[in-house]
Amino acid sequence: MSGTSLDGVDAALIETDGEHETRFDGGYERGYSSEERAVLQRAVDAALNWQFAGPRPVEFAVAESVLTDAHAQAVHDLLALAGLSAVDVDLIGFHGQTVLHRAPTTDRIGATCQIGDGATLAKATGINVVSDLRGADVAAGGHGAPLATLYHEALFRRDRLGGPVVVLNLGGVANVSWLGEGAPRAFDTGPASGLLDAWCEQTAGQSFDKDGALARSGKVNAGVLDKLMGHPFFSLKPPKSLDRWDFSLDPVQGLLPEDGAATLTAFTAQTVAEAIQSMGTPKRILTTGGGRKNPAMLEAISDRLRLPVEPVEAVGWDGDLMEAQAFAWLAVRSLKGLPLSLPTTTGVPEPMSGGTLAEAV
């Protein structure tokens, strides 16, 4: 898994039937070099100008090669750490790198673009690869996101957590999975760490707000927060999704670094809290993704909901590897023709499988 933060590849090793049984065998993070990150960022920048109109930008091909090589190296490194070889592994689930996502509306089908060459990865690793795990959902009219919800539900059922439980993913974008009786529900809630990270890099010379220290030293600007909350995304009914770049830093420009960080942290907290409240009152909120390491953000969410927000490690899950684990699990389901998404998770008209298999040569 390579997320919108462009910080590196998360690789997880699991043994699973794609349904009930899943056993974890560790993981590995391969960070991107500054040169690799710059290549990927140029592809993202080109995608913003492209907007699915005309041929793909030339920057995509260069970035795809760099990205696929980095994933191959991550696989080799993880296997070495685990004392395994390629013949010990049946399948790789390859998410690729999202460079652009356009949500569907009432008058258009959405579109999504993840770069990454599954066939090249299969050849480089000697392991079969399933990629393009979002495409079928989007082509059928769904959002193609969030996709980890069925994995969350599988762990929830396996561990008999009871319910309702919300799994809150605080990545570049925030999304929620509601787990309990009936079909799971999910949707994107708004920005999580993406805007805050960009603000910290722009104004404070740091890649993220470590321990929420910058936000804690500032004050929330109520007027700017109101402006952020006025984005039309929040008036849409779920299921719904967004692109990391659907929101900008324009509203916070001119604020002190610490006040901007405080305001953006409050923005994430407010949008997450309102999203969860719209679904009901859960017994438990478990959070995954990089944002779970920001105590200022978790406290702000908890204060608004008047409920504790716990990292997923509280129930024995791994918040650093959950997304990578999820795409490995989804790849097995793809081979079996099982659904990767539901009408209640992505808005797809019916339970939808997907994925493209590339066999190792």
Protein backbone atom coordinates (compact mmCIF):
# COMPACT_ATOMS: atom_id res chain seq x y z
CA MET A 1 0.00 0.00 0.00
CA SER A 2 1.22 3.48 -0.92
CA GLY A 3 -0.94 6.25 0.48
CA THR A 4 -1.57 9.87 -0.36
CA SER A 5 1.19 11.02 2.01
CA LEU A 6 3.75 9.64 -0.47
CA ASP A 7 6.00 8.60 2.39
CA GLY A 8 6.63 5.01 1.36
CA VAL A 9 5.36 1.48 0.77
CA ASP A 10 3.71 -0.52 3.54
CA ALA A 11 4.05 -4.26 2.92
CA ALA A 12 2.23 -6.82 5.05
CA LEU A 13 2.43 -10.60 5.04
CA ILE A 14 -0.78 -12.47 5.90
CA GLU A 15 -2.24 -15.94 5.57
CA THR A 16 -5.94 -15.82 4.78
CA ASP A 17 -8.87 -17.45 3.02
CA GLY A 18 -10.29 -14.01 2.22
CA GLU A 19 -13.30 -14.70 4.40
CA HIS A 20 -13.03 -15.82 8.00
CA GLU A 21 -9.46 -16.84 8.74
CA THR A 22 -6.59 -14.40 8.79
CA ARG A 23 -3.18 -14.75 10.43
CA PHE A 24 -0.58 -12.00 10.47
CA ASP A 25 3.09 -12.59 9.72
CA GLY A 26 4.50 -9.11 10.18
CA GLY A 27 5.27 -6.31 7.81
CA TYR A 28 7.77 -3.79 6.57
CA GLU A 29 7.82 -0.15 5.53
CA ARG A 30 10.08 0.92 2.70
CA GLY A 31 10.36 4.69 2.71
CA TYR A 32 10.60 6.65 -0.51
CA SER A 33 13.79 8.55 -1.20
CA SER A 34 13.45 12.29 -1.78
CA GLU A 35 14.00 11.65 -5.49
CA GLU A 36 11.30 8.98 -5.67
CA ARG A 37 8.85 11.15 -3.76
CA ALA A 38 9.52 14.05 -6.13
CA VAL A 39 8.76 11.82 -9.15
CA LEU A 40 5.48 10.67 -7.57
CA GLN A 41 4.55 14.21 -6.63
CA ARG A 42 5.08 15.35 -10.22
CA ALA A 43 2.64 12.65 -11.34
CA VAL A 44 0.07 13.86 -8.80
CA ASP A 45 0.56 17.46 -9.93
CA ALA A 46 0.15 16.42 -13.58
CA ALA A 47 -3.02 14.51 -12.69
CA LEU A 48 -4.59 17.65 -11.25
CA ASN A 49 -4.17 19.36 -14.62
CA TRP A 50 -5.22 16.24 -16.55
CA GLN A 51 -8.57 15.62 -14.82
CA PHE A 52 -9.25 12.53 -16.98
CA ALA A 53 -9.32 14.63 -20.16
CA GLY A 54 -7.17 13.37 -23.04
CA PRO A 55 -4.17 11.02 -22.97
CA ARG A 56 -2.43 10.26 -19.72
CA PRO A 57 0.35 12.69 -18.79
CA VAL A 58 3.88 11.52 -19.59
CA GLU A 59 4.74 11.92 -15.90
CA PHE A 60 2.60 8.87 -15.12
CA ALA A 61 4.87 6.44 -16.98
CA VAL A 62 7.98 7.59 -15.15
CA ALA A 63 6.23 7.52 -11.79
CA GLU A 64 4.70 4.11 -12.48
CA SER A 65 8.13 2.63 -13.12
CA VAL A 66 9.55 4.14 -9.92
CA LEU A 67 6.52 3.07 -7.90
CA THR A 68 6.51 -0.51 -9.18
CA ASP A 69 10.23 -0.90 -8.55
CA ALA A 70 9.79 0.38 -5.00
CA HIS A 71 7.02 -2.15 -4.38
CA ALA A 72 9.15 -4.97 -5.76
CA GLN A 73 11.97 -3.98 -3.42
CA ALA A 74 9.54 -3.87 -0.49
CA VAL A 75 8.38 -7.41 -1.32
CA HIS A 76 11.94 -8.73 -1.53
CA ASP A 77 12.90 -7.00 1.72
CA LEU A 78 9.86 -8.33 3.58
CA LEU A 79 10.46 -11.88 2.36
CA ALA A 80 14.08 -11.67 3.48
CA LEU A 81 13.01 -10.46 6.93
CA ALA A 82 10.50 -13.31 7.18
CA GLY A 83 12.96 -15.93 5.97
CA LEU A 84 10.75 -16.79 3.00
CA SER A 85 11.16 -16.97 -0.76
CA ALA A 86 8.78 -16.19 -3.60
CA VAL A 87 7.59 -19.80 -3.84
CA ASP A 88 6.23 -19.52 -0.30
CA VAL A 89 3.81 -16.75 -1.31
CA ASP A 90 0.71 -17.32 -3.45
CA LEU A 91 -0.35 -13.79 -4.23
CA ILE A 92 0.38 -10.07 -3.96
CA GLY A 93 -2.40 -7.53 -3.58
CA PHE A 94 -1.13 -4.35 -5.26
CA HIS A 95 -3.07 -1.16 -4.62
CA GLY A 96 -0.81 1.14 -6.58
CA GLN A 97 -0.72 4.90 -6.08
CA THR A 98 -3.86 6.97 -6.40
CA VAL A 99 -3.01 10.07 -8.38
CA LEU A 100 -6.56 11.27 -9.05
CA HIS A 101 -10.06 10.35 -7.90
CA ARG A 102 -13.34 11.84 -9.08
CA ALA A 103 -16.44 10.85 -7.16
CA PRO A 104 -19.61 9.96 -9.10
CA THR A 105 -22.54 12.35 -9.00
CA THR A 106 -26.17 12.08 -10.00
CA ASP A 107 -25.30 12.99 -13.59
CA ARG A 108 -21.90 11.33 -14.14
CA ILE A 109 -20.02 8.13 -13.40
CA GLY A 110 -16.94 8.65 -11.32
CA ALA A 111 -13.36 7.92 -12.31
CA THR A 112 -10.28 6.85 -10.42
CA CYS A 113 -6.64 6.44 -11.42
CA GLN A 114 -4.10 4.32 -9.59
CA ILE A 115 -0.70 4.02 -11.27
CA GLY A 116 1.31 0.82 -10.87
CA ASP A 117 2.16 -2.02 -13.26
CA GLY A 118 0.90 -5.34 -11.92
CA ALA A 119 2.48 -7.39 -14.70
CA THR A 120 5.91 -5.86 -14.10
CA LEU A 121 5.58 -6.42 -10.35
CA ALA A 122 4.67 -10.09 -10.93
CA LYS A 123 7.71 -10.56 -13.17
CA ALA A 124 10.03 -8.75 -10.75
CA THR A 125 8.92 -10.77 -7.73
CA GLY A 126 8.01 -14.13 -9.26
CA ILE A 127 4.62 -13.94 -7.52
CA ASN A 128 1.15 -13.56 -9.03
CA VAL A 129 -0.30 -10.08 -8.56
CA VAL A 130 -3.86 -8.77 -8.31
CA SER A 131 -4.13 -5.03 -9.01
CA ASP A 132 -6.79 -2.51 -10.12
CA LEU A 133 -8.99 -3.37 -7.15
CA ARG A 134 -11.14 -0.23 -7.48
CA GLY A 135 -11.84 -0.16 -11.21
CA ALA A 136 -14.83 -2.50 -11.45
CA ASP A 137 -16.63 -0.74 -8.61
CA VAL A 138 -16.20 2.68 -10.21
CA ALA A 139 -17.17 1.41 -13.67
CA ALA A 140 -20.41 0.06 -12.15
CA GLY A 141 -21.28 3.45 -10.68
CA GLY A 142 -19.71 3.12 -7.22
CA HIS A 143 -17.18 5.37 -5.56
CA GLY A 144 -14.45 2.72 -5.40
CA ALA A 145 -13.78 3.84 -1.83
CA PRO A 146 -13.49 3.12 1.02
CA LEU A 147 -12.37 -0.43 0.20
CA ALA A 148 -10.99 -1.63 3.55
CA THR A 149 -14.40 -1.86 5.22
CA LEU A 150 -15.07 -5.54 4.48
CA TYR A 151 -11.66 -6.35 5.94
CA HIS A 152 -12.54 -4.35 9.04
CA GLU A 153 -15.74 -6.33 9.30
CA ALA A 154 -13.91 -9.65 8.93
CA LEU A 155 -11.62 -8.78 11.85
CA PHE A 156 -14.58 -7.47 13.84
CA ARG A 157 -16.46 -10.77 13.38
CA ARG A 158 -13.39 -12.93 13.93
CA ASP A 159 -12.56 -11.24 17.22
CA ARG A 160 -16.21 -11.07 18.32
CA LEU A 161 -15.99 -7.47 19.39
CA GLY A 162 -19.72 -6.90 19.65
CA GLY A 163 -21.09 -3.66 18.43
CA PRO A 164 -21.71 -1.24 17.10
CA VAL A 165 -18.05 -0.36 16.52
CA VAL A 166 -16.67 2.40 14.31
CA VAL A 167 -13.28 1.90 12.67
CA LEU A 168 -11.95 5.36 11.91
CA ASN A 169 -9.12 5.58 9.38
CA LEU A 170 -7.11 8.78 9.74
CA GLY A 171 -4.92 8.80 6.65
CA GLY A 172 -4.57 11.67 4.21
CA VAL A 173 -8.36 11.43 4.01
CA ALA A 174 -10.56 10.23 6.88
CA ASN A 175 -13.16 7.51 6.48
CA VAL A 176 -15.37 5.49 8.78
CA SER A 177 -16.58 1.89 8.83
CA TRP A 178 -19.70 1.21 10.94
CA LEU A 179 -19.76 -2.42 12.08
CA GLY A 180 -22.54 -4.20 13.91
CA GLU A 181 -25.86 -5.71 12.98
CA GLY A 182 -26.67 -5.76 9.28
CA ALA A 183 -24.41 -4.75 6.41
CA PRO A 184 -21.39 -2.61 7.21
CA ARG A 185 -21.57 1.05 6.24
CA ALA A 186 -18.73 3.31 5.19
CA PHE A 187 -17.85 6.64 3.65
CA ASP A 188 -15.17 9.30 3.50
CA THR A 189 -15.70 12.02 6.09
CA GLY A 190 -13.26 14.70 4.90
CA PRO A 191 -9.55 15.48 5.18
CA ALA A 192 -7.56 13.89 8.00
CA SER A 193 -3.80 14.36 7.99
CA GLY A 194 -3.41 15.39 4.35
CA LEU A 195 -4.14 19.09 4.71
CA LEU A 196 -2.42 19.32 8.08
CA ASP A 197 0.75 17.67 6.73
CA ALA A 198 0.79 20.02 3.75
CA TRP A 199 0.35 23.01 6.07
CA CYS A 200 3.18 21.90 8.34
CA GLU A 201 5.49 21.43 5.38
CA GLN A 202 4.55 24.79 3.89
CA THR A 203 4.74 26.92 7.03
CA ALA A 204 6.81 25.10 9.65
CA GLY A 205 9.36 23.14 7.65
CA GLN A 206 8.21 19.80 9.03
CA SER A 207 6.46 16.94 7.26
CA PHE A 208 3.76 16.48 9.92
CA ASP A 209 2.61 17.79 13.29
CA LYS A 210 4.51 15.46 15.62
CA ASP A 211 2.40 14.62 18.68
CA GLY A 212 0.08 17.48 17.74
CA ALA A 213 2.54 19.92 19.31
CA LEU A 214 2.08 22.66 16.71
CA ALA A 215 -1.72 22.53 16.95
CA ARG A 216 -1.59 22.57 20.75
CA SER A 217 0.46 25.77 20.69
CA GLY A 218 -2.08 27.60 18.51
CA LYS A 219 -5.68 28.80 18.60
CA VAL A 220 -8.56 27.75 16.39
CA ASN A 221 -9.74 30.51 14.08
CA ALA A 222 -13.54 30.14 14.24
CA GLY A 223 -14.19 32.10 11.05
CA VAL A 224 -11.78 30.01 9.01
CA LEU A 225 -13.19 26.82 10.53
CA ASP A 226 -16.69 27.88 9.47
CA LYS A 227 -15.42 28.51 5.96
CA LEU A 228 -13.82 25.06 5.82
CA MET A 229 -17.02 23.45 7.11
CA GLY A 230 -18.96 25.17 4.32
CA HIS A 231 -17.47 22.91 1.65
CA PRO A 232 -20.28 21.30 -0.42
CA PHE A 233 -18.91 17.79 0.27
CA PHE A 234 -20.39 17.86 3.75
CA SER A 235 -23.94 18.32 2.49
CA LEU A 236 -23.76 15.11 0.42
CA LYS A 237 -25.35 11.96 1.76
CA PRO A 238 -23.25 8.80 2.07
CA PRO A 239 -21.91 6.67 0.57
CA LYS A 240 -19.50 9.33 -0.64
CA SER A 241 -15.81 9.72 -1.38
CA LEU A 242 -13.32 12.46 -2.07
CA ASP A 243 -9.90 13.04 -3.54
CA ARG A 244 -7.02 14.18 -1.35
CA TRP A 245 -6.94 17.33 -3.51
CA ASP A 246 -10.66 18.22 -3.31
CA PHE A 247 -9.74 20.54 -0.43
CA SER A 248 -7.06 23.22 -0.41
CA LEU A 249 -5.13 25.29 2.12
CA ASP A 250 -6.55 28.54 0.73
CA PRO A 251 -8.86 29.19 3.74
CA VAL A 252 -5.97 29.02 6.25
CA GLN A 253 -3.49 31.11 4.27
CA GLY A 254 -2.35 34.08 6.35
CA LEU A 255 -2.70 32.34 9.69
CA LEU A 256 0.26 31.73 11.95
CA PRO A 257 1.64 28.19 11.55
CA GLU A 258 0.36 27.13 14.95
CA ASP A 259 -3.09 28.67 14.44
CA GLY A 260 -3.43 27.04 11.03
CA ALA A 261 -2.48 23.69 12.54
CA ALA A 262 -4.99 24.14 15.37
CA THR A 263 -7.72 25.10 12.91
CA LEU A 264 -7.05 22.21 10.54
CA THR A 265 -6.96 19.76 13.45
CA ALA A 266 -10.30 21.12 14.66
CA PHE A 267 -11.63 20.80 11.10
CA THR A 268 -10.80 17.09 10.94
CA ALA A 269 -12.21 16.53 14.42
CA GLN A 270 -15.46 18.33 13.65
CA THR A 271 -16.08 16.55 10.35
CA VAL A 272 -15.26 13.13 11.83
CA ALA A 273 -17.49 13.75 14.84
CA GLU A 274 -20.44 14.88 12.72
CA ALA A 275 -20.02 11.89 10.42
CA ILE A 276 -20.06 9.41 13.29
CA GLN A 277 -23.00 11.14 14.96
CA SER A 278 -24.96 10.83 11.72
CA MET A 279 -24.59 7.04 11.93
CA GLY A 280 -25.58 6.61 15.57
CA THR A 281 -23.80 6.13 18.88
CA PRO A 282 -21.17 3.41 18.77
CA LYS A 283 -19.99 1.45 21.76
CA ARG A 284 -16.42 1.84 20.64
CA ILE A 285 -14.33 3.91 18.23
CA LEU A 286 -11.10 2.31 17.01
CA THR A 287 -8.73 4.38 14.94
CA THR A 288 -6.10 3.37 12.40
CA GLY A 289 -3.78 5.24 10.05
CA GLY A 290 -1.06 7.77 10.78
CA GLY A 291 -3.44 10.24 12.39
CA ARG A 292 -3.97 7.90 15.33
CA LYS A 293 -0.47 8.93 16.48
CA ASN A 294 -1.58 12.57 16.84
CA PRO A 295 -2.93 12.88 20.40
CA ALA A 296 -4.22 16.41 19.78
CA MET A 297 -6.40 15.14 16.93
CA LEU A 298 -7.72 12.17 18.90
CA GLU A 299 -8.52 14.34 21.90
CA ALA A 300 -10.36 16.84 19.72
CA ILE A 301 -12.49 14.06 18.20
CA SER A 302 -13.13 12.48 21.59
CA ASP A 303 -14.14 15.80 23.13
CA ARG A 304 -16.73 16.43 20.43
CA LEU A 305 -18.20 12.93 20.65
CA ARG A 306 -17.81 12.55 24.41
CA LEU A 307 -16.53 9.06 23.70
CA PRO A 308 -13.02 7.62 23.94
CA VAL A 309 -11.12 7.14 20.69
CA GLU A 310 -8.76 4.18 20.91
CA PRO A 311 -6.02 3.06 18.54
CA VAL A 312 -6.78 -0.30 16.90
CA GLU A 313 -3.86 -1.74 18.83
CA ALA A 314 -6.25 -1.81 21.80
CA VAL A 315 -7.86 -4.89 20.21
CA GLY A 316 -4.65 -6.38 18.87
CA TRP A 317 -4.75 -4.97 15.33
CA ASP A 318 -1.88 -3.15 13.64
CA GLY A 319 -2.73 0.40 12.64
CA ASP A 320 0.43 0.80 10.59
CA LEU A 321 -0.23 -2.25 8.44
CA MET A 322 -4.03 -2.49 8.25
CA GLU A 323 -4.35 -0.95 4.82
CA ALA A 324 -1.65 -3.21 3.37
CA GLN A 325 -3.25 -6.23 5.05
CA ALA A 326 -6.62 -5.21 3.65
CA PHE A 327 -5.42 -5.18 0.04
CA ALA A 328 -3.74 -8.57 0.46
CA TRP A 329 -7.05 -9.89 1.81
CA LEU A 330 -9.02 -8.25 -1.00
CA ALA A 331 -6.71 -9.83 -3.58
CA VAL A 332 -7.64 -13.30 -2.29
CA ARG A 333 -11.31 -12.36 -2.52
CA SER A 334 -10.73 -11.16 -6.08
CA LEU A 335 -9.41 -14.60 -7.08
CA LYS A 336 -12.47 -16.22 -5.50
CA GLY A 337 -14.89 -13.79 -7.19
CA LEU A 338 -16.11 -12.56 -3.80
CA PRO A 339 -17.34 -9.00 -3.24
CA LEU A 340 -14.81 -6.30 -2.49
CA SER A 341 -17.50 -3.68 -1.92
CA LEU A 342 -21.21 -3.32 -1.15
CA PRO A 343 -23.92 -0.76 -1.89
CA THR A 344 -23.58 0.42 1.73
CA THR A 345 -19.81 0.92 1.53
CA THR A 346 -19.15 2.46 -1.89
CA GLY A 347 -22.63 3.04 -3.33
CA VAL A 348 -22.10 0.40 -6.01
CA PRO A 349 -25.49 -0.94 -7.23
CA GLU A 350 -24.79 -4.52 -6.08
CA PRO A 351 -22.04 -6.43 -4.25
CA MET A 352 -19.04 -6.11 -6.54
CA SER A 353 -15.86 -8.10 -7.04
CA GLY A 354 -12.99 -6.83 -9.15
CA GLY A 355 -9.27 -6.79 -9.65
CA THR A 356 -6.94 -7.81 -12.48
CA LEU A 357 -4.68 -10.84 -12.19
CA ALA A 358 -1.13 -10.79 -13.59
CA GLU A 359 0.62 -14.15 -13.43
CA ALA A 360 4.33 -14.38 -12.74
CA VAL A 361 6.35 -15.59 -15.75
